[in-house]
């Protein structure tokens, strides 16, 4: 059976993000899977990469070189090695987090910067189509304070799919398959009276439906990315190659 890693990036375990993450774990366990946890805030994870994490020489700190050297010497920080071990064991990674300031929380970005270490989970030659994490699948379960209409492609808050693309592409860089994000909009603590009751019922419905999401995990649609062969020797999209995102597109 698969091993699932739950990555929670929210400072309050009693939040809906926390409840949703626990439901992912519960449904995965019900299906006989092994469940691993990374509750980043509860762990006190330090998201800032710096020389203090390494036995680095007294020269200007180069994060990529420090990670690579430590990976080859098997001396990455203990916290980082523990997270890498979880990722290595996992077949599925389910990320639970809110959209804050038009992106994931800083602790999750910092987790990527420190844990997805050069030399450990990717190298110059082992990335994208040749990534070390080929075969692993990732899913984002995301809350947004904005309403669904505001988070659409023509919404005032910006297209939530595009806001999530950089994180999705980070995992694609490692070789993972990234599923279409599961976004729950209009989640915040400022509802009152009937609106608050309506929100509670809506969130309860999301948790109930999540059983089907976990059960159908392997058949859920994924984000389409360009393959390595779609780019020329300079790393530019070939004229005949398709464009799947506004982030990688042809000249106007």
Foldseek 3Di string as FASTA:
>chain_A
DFEEEEEEEDLDCPALLNVLSVLLVVLCVVVVYHYHYCDPNVVVPDLDDDCVQAPDPPDPDDQQVRLQVCLVVVNGRPVLVVVLVSLVRGQEYEYGAEQDPLAGDSSVVSNLSRNCHENRFAHPPAWQQNAPNANHEYEYEYEYLAAPQLCPCPHVSHPSQVSCVVVVVSVNRRNYWYFRYHYHYNDDDPDDDPRVVVVVVVSVVVSVCVSVCSVCVVVGHTQDDDGPVQADPVRAGDPPDDDRDPVHDDDD
